[in-house]
Amino acid sequence: MRRRKFNKIIGISAYVVSVSGFRLIEENGVYTTSCASSRDMMGPYYRKGAPIRNDFSYAGNKDEVPLRVKGKIVGVDCNKPLPNIEIDIWHCDHNKDYDMNSDEFKCRGKLYSDHKGEYMFKTFIPPPYGGRPKHIHYLIHGTEEYQELVTQVYFKGDEILDNNYWVYPRDERRIIEVFRNDEGMAEINFNLYLSQKS
């Protein structure tokens, strides 16, 4: 698919991350890899019981940029697709609030990777709040073989993003370029790499 830069977001610029050169390391029978996704704390705004859906649109939000998020869940070899992985997604609404109580579960949803390990959902680019950059939370539920992963995705070019969010070298891979897809919609591709359990 041809990609074009999406210029509506202030400061967005082209950014390409190589998917080659990942290293697979075995130590005492446990595999780790240089492609593993970096982890975050769960934070105070996670909420159990989000409905299964892949569209977080809601009435009354007219100012934020609509966004399609695509990606793949893969295993320790950085390539093996992991199907039927449970994924919780949440972020703030256009008023910079998290829905912690309503039956609507605004800006929250649960989905599963398909047989190719792929996932997709529609939402919008959330606004920054309280000095934090724009971001979307992920909880990738663990399996018998792979560890649970809590992480976040950020947006390349966000002016608030600074060195406080570059804790590990691999954090670069979760600061993602936004582009306009062939349907004219803002889109990002965010792949998640799960680590093997000990």
Protein backbone atom coordinates (compact mmCIF):
# COMPACT_ATOMS: atom_id res chain seq x y z
CA MET A 1 0.00 0.00 0.00
CA ARG A 2 1.31 3.41 -0.91
CA ARG A 3 1.85 5.68 2.09
CA ARG A 4 1.68 9.42 2.13
CA LYS A 5 2.55 11.71 5.00
CA PHE A 6 -0.44 12.91 7.03
CA ASN A 7 0.14 16.58 7.72
CA LYS A 8 -2.86 17.61 9.82
CA ILE A 9 -1.05 16.77 13.05
CA ILE A 10 1.43 19.47 14.00
CA GLY A 11 5.02 18.38 13.58
CA ILE A 12 4.41 15.01 11.90
CA SER A 13 7.39 13.94 9.81
CA ALA A 14 8.40 10.77 8.02
CA TYR A 15 9.88 8.07 10.23
CA VAL A 16 10.85 4.57 9.16
CA VAL A 17 11.84 1.75 11.47
CA SER A 18 13.77 -1.19 10.11
CA VAL A 19 12.30 -4.62 10.83
CA SER A 20 15.58 -6.37 10.04
CA GLY A 21 18.47 -7.19 12.31
CA PHE A 22 16.55 -8.44 15.34
CA ARG A 23 18.51 -10.81 17.55
CA LEU A 24 17.12 -13.91 19.20
CA ILE A 25 18.93 -14.80 22.44
CA GLU A 26 18.60 -18.02 24.42
CA GLU A 27 19.72 -18.15 28.04
CA ASN A 28 18.90 -21.10 30.30
CA GLY A 29 16.21 -22.24 27.89
CA VAL A 30 14.45 -18.84 27.86
CA TYR A 31 14.35 -16.83 24.66
CA THR A 32 14.54 -13.06 24.61
CA THR A 33 14.81 -10.80 21.61
CA SER A 34 15.88 -7.32 20.68
CA CYS A 35 12.49 -6.75 19.07
CA ALA A 36 10.54 -7.13 22.34
CA SER A 37 8.10 -4.30 23.02
CA SER A 38 8.92 -2.06 25.97
CA ARG A 39 6.63 -2.13 28.98
CA ASP A 40 4.74 0.48 30.98
CA MET A 41 2.93 0.56 34.28
CA MET A 42 -0.78 -0.15 34.04
CA GLY A 43 -1.58 3.32 35.36
CA PRO A 44 -4.71 4.45 37.18
CA TYR A 45 -7.10 4.51 34.24
CA TYR A 46 -7.39 0.87 33.25
CA ARG A 47 -10.93 -0.44 33.63
CA LYS A 48 -12.04 -4.05 33.42
CA GLY A 49 -15.06 -5.17 31.43
CA ALA A 50 -14.66 -3.15 28.24
CA PRO A 51 -16.94 -4.37 25.44
CA ILE A 52 -15.63 -6.30 22.46
CA ARG A 53 -15.48 -3.80 19.58
CA ASN A 54 -13.07 -2.27 17.13
CA ASP A 55 -14.74 1.12 16.63
CA PHE A 56 -14.40 3.70 19.41
CA SER A 57 -16.34 6.45 17.61
CA TYR A 58 -18.98 8.37 19.52
CA ALA A 59 -21.28 11.35 19.00
CA GLY A 60 -20.10 14.82 19.98
CA ASN A 61 -16.45 14.41 19.05
CA LYS A 62 -15.87 16.66 16.05
CA ASP A 63 -12.44 18.15 16.65
CA GLU A 64 -10.06 15.21 16.92
CA VAL A 65 -8.47 13.50 13.91
CA PRO A 66 -10.08 10.12 13.09
CA LEU A 67 -7.51 7.32 13.19
CA ARG A 68 -7.24 3.72 12.06
CA VAL A 69 -4.79 1.57 14.02
CA LYS A 70 -3.46 -1.65 12.54
CA GLY A 71 -0.82 -4.03 13.72
CA LYS A 72 0.29 -7.57 14.35
CA ILE A 73 0.97 -9.58 17.50
CA VAL A 74 4.03 -11.77 17.03
CA GLY A 75 6.12 -14.08 19.17
CA VAL A 76 9.64 -14.27 20.45
CA ASP A 77 11.10 -14.90 17.00
CA CYS A 78 9.82 -11.46 15.89
CA ASN A 79 7.94 -13.15 13.08
CA LYS A 80 5.54 -15.89 14.26
CA PRO A 81 1.95 -14.51 14.21
CA LEU A 82 -0.02 -15.08 17.41
CA PRO A 83 -3.74 -15.59 16.75
CA ASN A 84 -6.62 -15.07 19.19
CA ILE A 85 -4.64 -12.85 21.56
CA GLU A 86 -6.86 -10.72 23.81
CA ILE A 87 -6.11 -6.99 23.63
CA ASP A 88 -7.52 -4.23 25.84
CA ILE A 89 -7.32 -0.68 24.45
CA TRP A 90 -8.08 2.59 26.25
CA HIS A 91 -7.33 6.31 25.97
CA CYS A 92 -8.79 9.65 27.04
CA ASP A 93 -11.75 11.23 25.27
CA HIS A 94 -11.76 14.53 23.39
CA ASN A 95 -12.25 16.35 26.71
CA LYS A 96 -9.06 14.74 28.10
CA ASP A 97 -11.07 12.56 30.49
CA TYR A 98 -11.07 8.78 31.00
CA ASP A 99 -14.45 7.06 31.26
CA MET A 100 -14.22 5.23 34.57
CA ASN A 101 -17.91 4.75 35.34
CA SER A 102 -20.37 4.92 32.45
CA ASP A 103 -21.96 1.97 30.66
CA GLU A 104 -20.70 3.49 27.42
CA PHE A 105 -17.06 2.62 28.13
CA LYS A 106 -16.08 5.60 25.98
CA CYS A 107 -12.70 5.21 24.26
CA ARG A 108 -12.35 1.66 25.57
CA GLY A 109 -12.62 -1.68 23.87
CA LYS A 110 -11.41 -5.25 23.77
CA LEU A 111 -10.47 -7.12 20.59
CA TYR A 112 -8.62 -10.23 19.47
CA SER A 113 -5.90 -10.84 16.93
CA ASP A 114 -7.06 -12.82 13.90
CA HIS A 115 -5.59 -16.02 12.46
CA LYS A 116 -2.70 -13.98 11.01
CA GLY A 117 -2.00 -12.33 14.35
CA GLU A 118 -3.37 -9.05 13.01
CA TYR A 119 -5.67 -6.56 14.73
CA MET A 120 -7.40 -3.31 13.74
CA PHE A 121 -9.52 -0.66 15.40
CA LYS A 122 -10.86 2.80 14.60
CA THR A 123 -10.63 5.70 17.01
CA PHE A 124 -9.14 9.21 16.95
CA ILE A 125 -5.81 10.73 17.93
CA PRO A 126 -6.36 11.52 21.62
CA PRO A 127 -5.40 14.96 22.90
CA PRO A 128 -2.48 15.49 25.29
CA TYR A 129 -3.29 16.16 28.92
CA GLY A 130 -1.48 17.16 32.11
CA GLY A 131 1.86 17.48 30.35
CA ARG A 132 1.60 13.99 28.87
CA PRO A 133 1.89 13.48 25.11
CA LYS A 134 -0.86 11.97 22.98
CA HIS A 135 -0.96 8.23 23.63
CA ILE A 136 -3.06 5.06 23.54
CA HIS A 137 -2.82 2.34 26.19
CA TYR A 138 -2.52 -1.39 25.45
CA LEU A 139 -2.92 -4.43 27.66
CA ILE A 140 -1.98 -7.60 25.78
CA HIS A 141 -3.25 -10.48 27.88
CA GLY A 142 -0.78 -13.28 28.46
CA THR A 143 -1.07 -16.89 27.37
CA GLU A 144 0.44 -20.14 28.62
CA GLU A 145 3.52 -19.42 26.51
CA TYR A 146 3.80 -15.62 26.42
CA GLN A 147 3.93 -12.92 29.06
CA GLU A 148 1.33 -10.21 29.55
CA LEU A 149 2.35 -6.88 28.03
CA VAL A 150 1.30 -3.41 29.16
CA THR A 151 2.52 -0.67 26.83
CA GLN A 152 1.54 2.56 25.07
CA VAL A 153 1.83 3.97 21.57
CA TYR A 154 2.91 7.55 20.90
CA PHE A 155 2.83 9.70 17.77
CA LYS A 156 5.89 10.85 15.86
CA GLY A 157 6.15 14.64 15.84
CA ASP A 158 4.15 15.30 19.00
CA GLU A 159 5.67 18.45 20.46
CA ILE A 160 5.13 17.30 24.04
CA LEU A 161 7.03 14.07 23.49
CA ASP A 162 10.51 14.39 24.99
CA ASN A 163 13.31 12.31 26.45
CA ASN A 164 11.20 11.32 29.46
CA TYR A 165 9.49 8.79 27.20
CA TRP A 166 12.67 7.30 25.71
CA VAL A 167 13.59 5.02 28.59
CA TYR A 168 14.84 2.10 26.50
CA PRO A 169 16.41 2.09 23.02
CA ARG A 170 13.50 0.07 21.65
CA ASP A 171 11.06 2.81 22.72
CA GLU A 172 11.68 4.31 19.29
CA ARG A 173 9.49 1.56 17.87
CA ARG A 174 6.43 2.73 19.76
CA ILE A 175 6.67 6.34 18.54
CA ILE A 176 4.84 5.86 15.29
CA GLU A 177 4.53 7.83 12.07
CA VAL A 178 0.99 8.85 11.15
CA PHE A 179 0.24 8.62 7.43
CA ARG A 180 -2.79 9.08 5.21
CA ASN A 181 -3.97 5.75 3.80
CA ASP A 182 -5.53 5.15 0.39
CA GLU A 183 -8.96 5.93 1.84
CA GLY A 184 -7.73 9.34 2.96
CA MET A 185 -7.81 8.43 6.65
CA ALA A 186 -5.04 8.89 9.22
CA GLU A 187 -3.46 5.53 10.03
CA ILE A 188 -0.67 4.00 12.07
CA ASN A 189 0.85 0.52 12.12
CA PHE A 190 1.86 -0.67 15.59
CA ASN A 191 3.21 -4.19 15.97
CA LEU A 192 3.55 -5.85 19.38
CA TYR A 193 6.22 -8.42 20.22
CA LEU A 194 5.50 -10.72 23.15
CA SER A 195 8.17 -12.25 25.37
CA GLN A 196 8.26 -15.91 26.30
CA LYS A 197 7.45 -16.91 29.85
CA SER A 198 10.28 -18.24 31.99
